[in-house]
C-alpha atoms as a PDB file:
ATOM      1  CA  MET A   1     -16.758  20.350  30.003  1.00  0.00           C
ATOM      2  CA  ASP A   2     -14.258  22.658  28.278  1.00  0.00           C
ATOM      3  CA  LEU A   3     -12.269  22.785  25.038  1.00  0.00           C
ATOM      4  CA  THR A   4      -9.154  21.408  26.705  1.00  0.00           C
ATOM      5  CA  GLN A   5     -11.051  18.295  27.776  1.00  0.00           C
ATOM      6  CA  LEU A   6     -12.314  17.862  24.226  1.00  0.00           C
ATOM      7  CA  GLU A   7      -8.806  18.222  22.800  1.00  0.00           C
ATOM      8  CA  LEU A   8      -7.460  15.670  25.274  1.00  0.00           C
ATOM      9  CA  PHE A   9     -10.306  13.260  24.514  1.00  0.00           C
ATOM     10  CA  ARG A  10      -9.708  13.557  20.766  1.00  0.00           C
ATOM     11  CA  ALA A  11      -5.998  12.891  21.239  1.00  0.00           C
ATOM     12  CA  VAL A  12      -6.627   9.760  23.310  1.00  0.00           C
ATOM     13  CA  ALA A  13      -9.270   8.524  20.857  1.00  0.00           C
ATOM     14  CA  GLU A  14      -6.983   9.007  17.858  1.00  0.00           C
ATOM     15  CA  GLU A  15      -3.825   7.648  19.498  1.00  0.00           C
ATOM     16  CA  GLY A  16      -5.492   4.701  21.227  1.00  0.00           C
ATOM     17  CA  SER A  17      -3.490   5.064  24.431  1.00  0.00           C
ATOM     18  CA  ILE A  18      -2.987   7.514  27.276  1.00  0.00           C
ATOM     19  CA  SER A  19       0.809   7.516  26.978  1.00  0.00           C
ATOM     20  CA  ALA A  20       0.831   8.293  23.240  1.00  0.00           C
ATOM     21  CA  ALA A  21      -1.784  11.007  23.683  1.00  0.00           C
ATOM     22  CA  ALA A  22       0.144  12.501  26.599  1.00  0.00           C
ATOM     23  CA  GLN A  23       3.267  12.727  24.461  1.00  0.00           C
ATOM     24  CA  ARG A  24       1.305  14.352  21.637  1.00  0.00           C
ATOM     25  CA  MET A  25      -0.309  16.887  23.984  1.00  0.00           C
ATOM     26  CA  HIS A  26       2.857  17.474  26.058  1.00  0.00           C
ATOM     27  CA  ARG A  27       1.182  16.400  29.285  1.00  0.00           C
ATOM     28  CA  VAL A  28       1.801  13.798  31.921  1.00  0.00           C
ATOM     29  CA  PRO A  29      -0.302  10.626  31.541  1.00  0.00           C
ATOM     30  CA  SER A  30      -1.905  10.979  34.966  1.00  0.00           C
ATOM     31  CA  ASN A  31      -3.321  14.363  33.987  1.00  0.00           C
ATOM     32  CA  LEU A  32      -4.982  12.886  30.883  1.00  0.00           C
ATOM     33  CA  THR A  33      -6.376   9.969  32.872  1.00  0.00           C
ATOM     34  CA  THR A  34      -7.934  12.333  35.405  1.00  0.00           C
ATOM     35  CA  ARG A  35      -9.412  14.658  32.766  1.00  0.00           C
ATOM     36  CA  ILE A  36     -10.912  11.780  30.772  1.00  0.00           C
ATOM     37  CA  ARG A  37     -12.441  10.280  33.934  1.00  0.00           C
ATOM     38  CA  GLN A  38     -13.923  13.684  34.799  1.00  0.00           C
ATOM     39  CA  LEU A  39     -15.391  13.980  31.303  1.00  0.00           C
ATOM     40  CA  GLU A  40     -16.938  10.506  31.507  1.00  0.00           C
ATOM     41  CA  SER A  41     -18.380  11.314  34.930  1.00  0.00           C
ATOM     42  CA  GLU A  42     -19.900  14.532  33.603  1.00  0.00           C
ATOM     43  CA  LEU A  43     -21.410  12.761  30.592  1.00  0.00           C
ATOM     44  CA  GLY A  44     -22.519   9.744  32.592  1.00  0.00           C
ATOM     45  CA  VAL A  45     -21.132   7.219  30.089  1.00  0.00           C
ATOM     46  CA  ASP A  46     -17.926   5.282  29.456  1.00  0.00           C
ATOM     47  CA  LEU A  47     -16.240   6.744  26.396  1.00  0.00           C
ATOM     48  CA  PHE A  48     -13.628   3.985  26.223  1.00  0.00           C
ATOM     49  CA  ILE A  49     -13.425   0.223  26.513  1.00  0.00           C
ATOM     50  CA  ARG A  50     -10.342  -0.263  28.653  1.00  0.00           C
ATOM     51  CA  GLU A  51      -8.001  -3.147  27.862  1.00  0.00           C
ATOM     52  CA  LYS A  52      -4.578  -3.939  29.306  1.00  0.00           C
ATOM     53  CA  LEU A  53      -2.424  -2.112  26.772  1.00  0.00           C
ATOM     54  CA  ARG A  54      -4.887  -0.101  24.751  1.00  0.00           C
ATOM     55  CA  LEU A  55      -8.072   1.939  24.895  1.00  0.00           C
ATOM     56  CA  ARG A  56     -10.845   1.375  22.361  1.00  0.00           C
ATOM     57  CA  LEU A  57     -13.731   3.767  21.832  1.00  0.00           C
ATOM     58  CA  SER A  58     -17.093   2.571  23.095  1.00  0.00           C
ATOM     59  CA  PRO A  59     -20.192   3.129  20.929  1.00  0.00           C
ATOM     60  CA  SER A  60     -20.892   6.255  22.971  1.00  0.00           C
ATOM     61  CA  GLY A  61     -17.264   7.269  22.502  1.00  0.00           C
ATOM     62  CA  TRP A  62     -17.507   7.062  18.706  1.00  0.00           C
ATOM     63  CA  ASN A  63     -20.624   9.208  18.776  1.00  0.00           C
ATOM     64  CA  PHE A  64     -19.016  11.766  21.084  1.00  0.00           C
ATOM     65  CA  LEU A  65     -15.826  11.837  18.958  1.00  0.00           C
ATOM     66  CA  ASP A  66     -17.873  12.951  15.944  1.00  0.00           C
ATOM     67  CA  TYR A  67     -19.317  15.858  17.943  1.00  0.00           C
ATOM     68  CA  THR A  68     -15.906  16.670  19.431  1.00  0.00           C
ATOM     69  CA  ARG A  69     -14.266  16.963  16.020  1.00  0.00           C
ATOM     70  CA  ARG A  70     -17.072  19.158  14.745  1.00  0.00           C
ATOM     71  CA  ILE A  71     -16.845  21.450  17.782  1.00  0.00           C
ATOM     72  CA  LEU A  72     -13.070  21.804  17.582  1.00  0.00           C
ATOM     73  CA  ASP A  73     -13.172  22.347  13.816  1.00  0.00           C
ATOM     74  CA  LEU A  74     -15.795  25.036  14.295  1.00  0.00           C
ATOM     75  CA  VAL A  75     -13.619  26.735  16.915  1.00  0.00           C
ATOM     76  CA  GLU A  76     -10.681  26.755  14.470  1.00  0.00           C
ATOM     77  CA  GLU A  77     -12.916  28.114  11.741  1.00  0.00           C
ATOM     78  CA  ALA A  78     -14.098  30.885  14.058  1.00  0.00           C
ATOM     79  CA  LYS A  79     -10.491  31.793  14.926  1.00  0.00           C
ATOM     80  CA  SER A  80      -9.549  31.962  11.248  1.00  0.00           C
ATOM     81  CA  ALA A  81     -12.638  33.987  10.380  1.00  0.00           C
ATOM     82  CA  VAL A  82     -11.910  36.729  12.916  1.00  0.00           C
ATOM     83  CA  SER A  83      -8.108  36.727  12.611  1.00  0.00           C
ATOM     84  CA  GLY A  84      -7.997  36.985   8.812  1.00  0.00           C
ATOM     85  CA  ASN A  85      -5.263  34.358   8.603  1.00  0.00           C
ATOM     86  CA  GLU A  86      -4.260  33.098   5.181  1.00  0.00           C
ATOM     87  CA  PRO A  87      -4.861  29.422   4.334  1.00  0.00           C
ATOM     88  CA  GLN A  88      -2.459  27.199   6.238  1.00  0.00           C
ATOM     89  CA  GLY A  89      -2.128  23.970   8.174  1.00  0.00           C
ATOM     90  CA  ALA A  90      -3.541  20.544   7.365  1.00  0.00           C
ATOM     91  CA  PHE A  91      -6.174  20.257   4.645  1.00  0.00           C
ATOM     92  CA  VAL A  92      -7.319  16.642   4.291  1.00  0.00           C
ATOM     93  CA  LEU A  93      -9.328  15.851   1.157  1.00  0.00           C
ATOM     94  CA  GLY A  94     -11.151  12.774  -0.081  1.00  0.00           C
ATOM     95  CA  SER A  95     -11.892  11.936  -3.692  1.00  0.00           C
ATOM     96  CA  GLN A  96     -13.265   9.317  -6.033  1.00  0.00           C
ATOM     97  CA  GLU A  97     -10.448   7.497  -7.788  1.00  0.00           C
ATOM     98  CA  SER A  98     -11.313   8.774 -11.278  1.00  0.00           C
ATOM     99  CA  THR A  99     -11.525  12.383 -10.091  1.00  0.00           C
ATOM    100  CA  ALA A 100      -8.222  12.081  -8.237  1.00  0.00           C
ATOM    101  CA  ALA A 101      -6.484  10.567 -11.253  1.00  0.00           C
ATOM    102  CA  VAL A 102      -7.790  12.816 -14.001  1.00  0.00           C
ATOM    103  CA  ARG A 103      -9.639  15.904 -12.834  1.00  0.00           C
ATOM    104  CA  ILE A 104      -7.977  17.415  -9.785  1.00  0.00           C
ATOM    105  CA  PRO A 105      -4.180  17.081 -10.253  1.00  0.00           C
ATOM    106  CA  PRO A 106      -3.964  20.539 -11.943  1.00  0.00           C
ATOM    107  CA  LEU A 107      -6.201  21.979  -9.217  1.00  0.00           C
ATOM    108  CA  LEU A 108      -4.039  20.561  -6.421  1.00  0.00           C
ATOM    109  CA  ALA A 109      -0.844  21.726  -8.132  1.00  0.00           C
ATOM    110  CA  ALA A 110      -2.210  25.266  -8.456  1.00  0.00           C
ATOM    111  CA  TYR A 111      -3.398  25.202  -4.852  1.00  0.00           C
ATOM    112  CA  HIS A 112      -0.006  24.065  -3.571  1.00  0.00           C
ATOM    113  CA  HIS A 113       1.758  26.740  -5.605  1.00  0.00           C
ATOM    114  CA  ARG A 114      -0.484  29.528  -4.348  1.00  0.00           C
ATOM    115  CA  TYR A 115      -0.786  28.368  -0.717  1.00  0.00           C
ATOM    116  CA  PRO A 116       2.505  26.665   0.250  1.00  0.00           C
ATOM    117  CA  LYS A 117       1.663  26.850   3.963  1.00  0.00           C
ATOM    118  CA  VAL A 118      -1.211  24.390   3.486  1.00  0.00           C
ATOM    119  CA  GLU A 119      -0.385  20.697   3.960  1.00  0.00           C
ATOM    120  CA  LEU A 120      -2.540  18.873   1.407  1.00  0.00           C
ATOM    121  CA  ASP A 121      -3.431  15.255   2.114  1.00  0.00           C
ATOM    122  CA  LEU A 122      -5.548  13.190  -0.299  1.00  0.00           C
ATOM    123  CA  SER A 123      -7.328   9.854   0.182  1.00  0.00           C
ATOM    124  CA  THR A 124      -9.344   8.033  -2.501  1.00  0.00           C
ATOM    125  CA  GLY A 125     -12.260   5.614  -2.462  1.00  0.00           C
ATOM    126  CA  PRO A 126     -15.917   5.175  -3.480  1.00  0.00           C
ATOM    127  CA  SER A 127     -18.289   8.103  -2.988  1.00  0.00           C
ATOM    128  CA  GLY A 128     -19.963   6.384  -0.038  1.00  0.00           C
ATOM    129  CA  ASP A 129     -16.665   6.124   1.828  1.00  0.00           C
ATOM    130  CA  MET A 130     -15.820   9.745   1.043  1.00  0.00           C
ATOM    131  CA  ILE A 131     -19.161  10.987   2.375  1.00  0.00           C
ATOM    132  CA  ASP A 132     -18.671   8.941   5.552  1.00  0.00           C
ATOM    133  CA  GLY A 133     -15.225  10.495   5.923  1.00  0.00           C
ATOM    134  CA  VAL A 134     -16.573  14.040   5.691  1.00  0.00           C
ATOM    135  CA  LEU A 135     -19.358  13.274   8.176  1.00  0.00           C
ATOM    136  CA  ALA A 136     -16.892  11.677  10.598  1.00  0.00           C
ATOM    137  CA  GLY A 137     -14.503  14.622  10.366  1.00  0.00           C
ATOM    138  CA  ARG A 138     -11.673  12.682   8.712  1.00  0.00           C
ATOM    139  CA  PHE A 139     -11.884  14.861   5.596  1.00  0.00           C
ATOM    140  CA  ALA A 140     -12.329  18.610   5.441  1.00  0.00           C
ATOM    141  CA  ALA A 141     -13.981  18.142   2.040  1.00  0.00           C
ATOM    142  CA  ALA A 142     -14.326  15.470  -0.630  1.00  0.00           C
ATOM    143  CA  PHE A 143     -14.965  15.111  -4.341  1.00  0.00           C
ATOM    144  CA  ILE A 144     -17.927  12.778  -4.734  1.00  0.00           C
ATOM    145  CA  ASP A 145     -20.558  11.744  -7.240  1.00  0.00           C
ATOM    146  CA  GLY A 146     -23.218  14.429  -6.811  1.00  0.00           C
ATOM    147  CA  PRO A 147     -25.554  15.973  -6.163  1.00  0.00           C
ATOM    148  CA  VAL A 148     -25.278  16.334  -2.391  1.00  0.00           C
ATOM    149  CA  ASN A 149     -28.538  15.482  -0.640  1.00  0.00           C
ATOM    150  CA  HIS A 150     -27.420  14.869   2.961  1.00  0.00           C
ATOM    151  CA  PRO A 151     -28.844  17.378   5.494  1.00  0.00           C
ATOM    152  CA  LEU A 152     -25.456  17.754   7.220  1.00  0.00           C
ATOM    153  CA  LEU A 153     -23.548  18.437   3.998  1.00  0.00           C
ATOM    154  CA  GLU A 154     -23.339  21.207   1.454  1.00  0.00           C
ATOM    155  CA  GLY A 155     -21.348  21.459  -1.741  1.00  0.00           C
ATOM    156  CA  VAL A 156     -20.906  22.801  -5.258  1.00  0.00           C
ATOM    157  CA  PRO A 157     -20.725  21.150  -8.691  1.00  0.00           C
ATOM    158  CA  ALA A 158     -17.116  20.752  -9.793  1.00  0.00           C
ATOM    159  CA  TYR A 159     -17.011  18.678 -12.995  1.00  0.00           C
ATOM    160  CA  ASP A 160     -19.482  17.289 -15.514  1.00  0.00           C
ATOM    161  CA  GLU A 161     -18.905  13.627 -16.324  1.00  0.00           C
ATOM    162  CA  GLU A 162     -20.097  11.214 -18.985  1.00  0.00           C
ATOM    163  CA  LEU A 163     -20.388   7.559 -18.055  1.00  0.00           C
ATOM    164  CA  VAL A 164     -19.794   5.033 -20.820  1.00  0.00           C
ATOM    165  CA  ILE A 165     -20.101   1.272 -21.054  1.00  0.00           C
ATOM    166  CA  ILE A 166     -16.975  -0.553 -22.155  1.00  0.00           C
ATOM    167  CA  ALA A 167     -16.790  -4.043 -23.645  1.00  0.00           C
ATOM    168  CA  GLY A 168     -14.263  -6.151 -25.540  1.00  0.00           C
ATOM    169  CA  ARG A 169     -12.625  -4.548 -28.575  1.00  0.00           C
ATOM    170  CA  ASP A 170     -14.747  -6.477 -31.114  1.00  0.00           C
ATOM    171  CA  HIS A 171     -17.976  -6.535 -29.138  1.00  0.00           C
ATOM    172  CA  PRO A 172     -21.180  -5.929 -31.147  1.00  0.00           C
ATOM    173  CA  PRO A 173     -22.889  -2.558 -30.629  1.00  0.00           C
ATOM    174  CA  ILE A 174     -24.573  -2.087 -27.250  1.00  0.00           C
ATOM    175  CA  THR A 175     -27.722  -0.001 -27.432  1.00  0.00           C
ATOM    176  CA  ARG A 176     -29.682  -1.413 -24.479  1.00  0.00           C
ATOM    177  CA  ALA A 177     -29.251  -3.663 -21.440  1.00  0.00           C
ATOM    178  CA  GLN A 178     -31.262  -6.528 -22.955  1.00  0.00           C
ATOM    179  CA  GLU A 179     -28.453  -7.024 -25.480  1.00  0.00           C
ATOM    180  CA  VAL A 180     -26.008  -7.880 -22.682  1.00  0.00           C
ATOM    181  CA  ASN A 181     -28.423  -9.666 -20.340  1.00  0.00           C
ATOM    182  CA  GLY A 182     -26.544 -11.967 -17.970  1.00  0.00           C
ATOM    183  CA  ARG A 183     -23.097 -10.608 -18.826  1.00  0.00           C
ATOM    184  CA  ALA A 184     -20.498 -10.364 -16.074  1.00  0.00           C
ATOM    185  CA  LEU A 185     -19.767  -6.897 -14.704  1.00  0.00           C
ATOM    186  CA  TYR A 186     -16.662  -5.310 -13.193  1.00  0.00           C
ATOM    187  CA  ALA A 187     -17.309  -2.602 -10.620  1.00  0.00           C
ATOM    188  CA  PHE A 188     -16.265  -1.136  -7.298  1.00  0.00           C
ATOM    189  CA  ARG A 189     -17.893  -2.108  -4.002  1.00  0.00           C
ATOM    190  CA  ALA A 190     -21.636  -1.736  -3.426  1.00  0.00           C
ATOM    191  CA  ASN A 191     -21.306   1.792  -2.000  1.00  0.00           C
ATOM    192  CA  CYS A 192     -20.069   3.068  -5.382  1.00  0.00           C
ATOM    193  CA  SER A 193     -22.718   5.261  -7.017  1.00  0.00           C
ATOM    194  CA  TYR A 194     -21.509   4.401 -10.531  1.00  0.00           C
ATOM    195  CA  ARG A 195     -22.045   0.720  -9.793  1.00  0.00           C
ATOM    196  CA  ARG A 196     -25.625   1.500  -8.757  1.00  0.00           C
ATOM    197  CA  ASP A 197     -26.095   3.401 -12.013  1.00  0.00           C
ATOM    198  CA  LEU A 198     -25.018   0.350 -14.006  1.00  0.00           C
ATOM    199  CA  GLU A 199     -27.261  -1.992 -12.018  1.00  0.00           C
ATOM    200  CA  ASN A 200     -30.203   0.407 -12.434  1.00  0.00           C
ATOM    201  CA  TRP A 201     -29.535   0.528 -16.193  1.00  0.00           C
ATOM    202  CA  PHE A 202     -30.134  -3.228 -16.343  1.00  0.00           C
ATOM    203  CA  VAL A 203     -33.248  -3.059 -14.158  1.00  0.00           C
ATOM    204  CA  ALA A 204     -34.782  -0.227 -16.217  1.00  0.00           C
ATOM    205  CA  ASP A 205     -34.602  -2.404 -19.352  1.00  0.00           C
ATOM    206  CA  GLY A 206     -35.936  -5.556 -17.671  1.00  0.00           C
ATOM    207  CA  ALA A 207     -32.523  -7.202 -17.812  1.00  0.00           C
ATOM    208  CA  THR A 208     -30.349  -8.833 -15.180  1.00  0.00           C
ATOM    209  CA  PRO A 209     -26.569  -8.555 -14.884  1.00  0.00           C
ATOM    210  CA  GLY A 210     -24.476 -11.641 -14.401  1.00  0.00           C
ATOM    211  CA  ARG A 211     -21.905 -12.005 -11.674  1.00  0.00           C
ATOM    212  CA  ILE A 212     -20.461  -8.728 -10.402  1.00  0.00           C
ATOM    213  CA  PHE A 213     -16.703  -8.864  -9.801  1.00  0.00           C
ATOM    214  CA  GLU A 214     -15.571  -6.216  -7.334  1.00  0.00           C
ATOM    215  CA  MET A 215     -12.377  -4.436  -8.360  1.00  0.00           C
ATOM    216  CA  GLU A 216     -10.098  -1.935  -6.643  1.00  0.00           C
ATOM    217  CA  SER A 217      -9.173   0.199  -9.652  1.00  0.00           C
ATOM    218  CA  TYR A 218     -10.313   1.294 -13.093  1.00  0.00           C
ATOM    219  CA  HIS A 219      -7.081  -0.072 -14.528  1.00  0.00           C
ATOM    220  CA  GLY A 220      -8.084  -3.526 -13.297  1.00  0.00           C
ATOM    221  CA  MET A 221     -11.569  -3.149 -14.765  1.00  0.00           C
ATOM    222  CA  VAL A 222     -10.274  -2.104 -18.183  1.00  0.00           C
ATOM    223  CA  ALA A 223      -7.741  -4.936 -18.218  1.00  0.00           C
ATOM    224  CA  CYS A 224     -10.451  -7.528 -17.525  1.00  0.00           C
ATOM    225  CA  VAL A 225     -12.859  -6.030 -20.055  1.00  0.00           C
ATOM    226  CA  SER A 226     -10.180  -5.826 -22.755  1.00  0.00           C
ATOM    227  CA  ALA A 227      -9.644  -9.570 -22.288  1.00  0.00           C
ATOM    228  CA  GLY A 228     -13.298 -10.077 -23.241  1.00  0.00           C
ATOM    229  CA  ALA A 229     -14.386 -11.117 -19.757  1.00  0.00           C
ATOM    230  CA  GLY A 230     -17.332  -8.763 -19.253  1.00  0.00           C
ATOM    231  CA  LEU A 231     -18.514  -5.164 -19.109  1.00  0.00           C
ATOM    232  CA  ALA A 232     -17.843  -2.111 -16.954  1.00  0.00           C
ATOM    233  CA  LEU A 233     -19.138   1.435 -16.533  1.00  0.00           C
ATOM    234  CA  VAL A 234     -16.432   4.099 -16.377  1.00  0.00           C
ATOM    235  CA  PRO A 235     -16.182   7.892 -16.605  1.00  0.00           C
ATOM    236  CA  LEU A 236     -15.126   8.885 -20.092  1.00  0.00           C
ATOM    237  CA  SER A 237     -12.510  11.294 -18.755  1.00  0.00           C
ATOM    238  CA  MET A 238     -10.857   8.437 -16.835  1.00  0.00           C
ATOM    239  CA  LEU A 239     -10.899   6.099 -19.823  1.00  0.00           C
ATOM    240  CA  GLN A 240      -9.260   8.723 -22.040  1.00  0.00           C
ATOM    241  CA  SER A 241      -6.274   8.895 -19.696  1.00  0.00           C
ATOM    242  CA  MET A 242      -5.530   5.161 -19.951  1.00  0.00           C
ATOM    243  CA  PRO A 243      -3.342   3.593 -22.672  1.00  0.00           C
ATOM    244  CA  ALA A 244      -5.547   0.476 -22.572  1.00  0.00           C
ATOM    245  CA  ALA A 245      -8.542   2.518 -23.767  1.00  0.00           C
ATOM    246  CA  HIS A 246      -7.776   1.434 -27.345  1.00  0.00           C
ATOM    247  CA  ASN A 247      -8.279  -2.209 -26.358  1.00  0.00           C
ATOM    248  CA  VAL A 248     -11.979  -1.808 -25.564  1.00  0.00           C
ATOM    249  CA  SER A 249     -15.096  -0.654 -27.378  1.00  0.00           C
ATOM    250  CA  VAL A 250     -17.020   2.256 -25.890  1.00  0.00           C
ATOM    251  CA  TRP A 251     -20.791   2.711 -25.879  1.00  0.00           C
ATOM    252  CA  PRO A 252     -23.023   5.429 -24.408  1.00  0.00           C
ATOM    253  CA  MET A 253     -25.636   4.502 -21.838  1.00  0.00           C
ATOM    254  CA  SER A 254     -29.064   4.440 -23.439  1.00  0.00           C
ATOM    255  CA  GLN A 255     -31.594   6.195 -21.216  1.00  0.00           C
ATOM    256  CA  PRO A 256     -29.002   7.439 -18.689  1.00  0.00           C
ATOM    257  CA  GLN A 257     -30.246   7.214 -15.131  1.00  0.00           C
ATOM    258  CA  ARG A 258     -29.415  10.814 -14.237  1.00  0.00           C
ATOM    259  CA  PRO A 259     -27.076  13.696 -15.105  1.00  0.00           C
ATOM    260  CA  VAL A 260     -23.628  12.912 -13.742  1.00  0.00           C
ATOM    261  CA  GLN A 261     -21.638  15.562 -11.920  1.00  0.00           C
ATOM    262  CA  THR A 262     -18.743  15.443  -9.509  1.00  0.00           C
ATOM    263  CA  TRP A 263     -19.304  17.700  -6.504  1.00  0.00           C
ATOM    264  CA  LEU A 264     -16.999  19.075  -3.859  1.00  0.00           C
ATOM    265  CA  THR A 265     -18.770  18.591  -0.530  1.00  0.00           C
ATOM    266  CA  TRP A 266     -18.086  19.536   3.089  1.00  0.00           C
ATOM    267  CA  ARG A 267     -19.909  19.712   6.416  1.00  0.00           C
ATOM    268  CA  ARG A 268     -22.620  22.336   6.421  1.00  0.00           C
ATOM    269  CA  GLY A 269     -21.332  25.605   7.882  1.00  0.00           C
ATOM    270  CA  MET A 270     -17.682  24.472   7.887  1.00  0.00           C
ATOM    271  CA  ARG A 271     -16.178  26.847   5.304  1.00  0.00           C
ATOM    272  CA  SER A 272     -12.600  27.197   6.501  1.00  0.00           C
ATOM    273  CA  ALA A 273     -10.023  29.509   4.915  1.00  0.00           C
ATOM    274  CA  ASN A 274      -8.446  26.466   3.256  1.00  0.00           C
ATOM    275  CA  LEU A 275     -11.768  25.402   1.755  1.00  0.00           C
ATOM    276  CA  LEU A 276     -12.649  28.907   0.578  1.00  0.00           C
ATOM    277  CA  ALA A 277      -9.305  29.096  -1.221  1.00  0.00           C
ATOM    278  CA  MET A 278     -10.020  25.836  -3.027  1.00  0.00           C
ATOM    279  CA  LEU A 279     -13.502  26.968  -4.000  1.00  0.00           C
ATOM    280  CA  GLU A 280     -11.972  30.076  -5.530  1.00  0.00           C
ATOM    281  CA  LEU A 281      -9.540  28.019  -7.623  1.00  0.00           C
ATOM    282  CA  LEU A 282     -12.269  25.571  -8.566  1.00  0.00           C
ATOM    283  CA  GLY A 283     -14.194  28.378 -10.234  1.00  0.00           C
ATOM    284  CA  ALA A 284     -12.094  27.979 -13.412  1.00  0.00           C
ATOM    285  CA  GLU A 285     -13.983  26.296 -16.236  1.00  0.00           C
ATOM    286  CA  GLN A 286     -12.977  22.671 -16.904  1.00  0.00           C
ATOM    287  CA  PRO A 287     -12.706  21.182 -20.431  1.00  0.00           C
ATOM    288  CA  GLU A 288     -15.290  18.577 -21.397  1.00  0.00           C
ATOM    289  CA  ALA A 289     -14.226  15.048 -22.284  1.00  0.00           C
ATOM    290  CA  THR A 290     -14.821  13.768 -25.825  1.00  0.00           C
ATOM    291  CA  THR A 291     -14.488  10.461 -27.630  1.00  0.00           C
ATOM    292  CA  ALA A 292     -12.370  11.917 -30.443  1.00  0.00           C
ATOM    293  CA  ASP A 293      -9.295   9.843 -29.607  1.00  0.00           C
ATOM    294  CA  LEU A 294     -11.038   6.555 -28.793  1.00  0.00           C
ATOM    295  CA  PRO A 295     -11.096   3.499 -31.099  1.00  0.00           C
ATOM    296  CA  ALA A 296     -13.153   3.494 -34.273  1.00  0.00           C
ATOM    297  CA  GLY A 297     -16.612   2.168 -33.485  1.00  0.00           C
ATOM    298  CA  ALA A 298     -16.653   3.885 -30.081  1.00  0.00           C
ATOM    299  CA  SER A 299     -19.495   6.340 -29.815  1.00  0.00           C
ATOM    300  CA  ARG A 300     -21.210   8.780 -27.520  1.00  0.00           C
END
């Protein structure tokens, strides 16, 4: 097994066909077919499920792809570390939606200005999806709801957040979960850490939420809540950025489940030149969100 075999395997796995991978790697298809067969023979497993027009990774193939990406990324990191190259090339990031919308745009703009040779690519989703992306090698790093507790990950705190409960504009004060027992909730999918915080807030007070409607954006949540249809838990910094914030009432979580911080996380030991440059820029202090501009009756 050598690095060339790993590069060819990764290309075939990502392209889904020998011909597309051959074009990407500037090789003839027969050469790729032979090298992949040799790799499978050496490993003693089938890495692909072969169909008429396409190759699909087998379970063993998915597992081996994860290791392949980590090995090749580590090789690139080693090259950069000894060559002293400046940040450059692809830098794929993941982020929670609220962080991507409110917190990191100035950071990304400054990064692009300082390191124009880096090709920034950003994907958004719940923290669980972002962590999976970093572990699978799809993202070089990701902004997630911290802290980072996975043994294969490391990270640093990036932003402090305050989570607030929002309800209809004329909703009575909310001081505990019992006061809204059985109310409908608007939240992201189950792998969203903020959703778990809201569910735990109910459980801690011996209350039970009503139906949970899964949404794809904070804008959708705020629109539904402003219509008086239920409650939601949102980061204060995100709410402040939305014109519809004045159509809801805002209440602090009583007995918050935990301190809330957004972390930048990456695979343990994978500090590339691109990542180190971002960590340097991230060192600037970030302003804290306040409720000063929210509707009367909103409170911390």
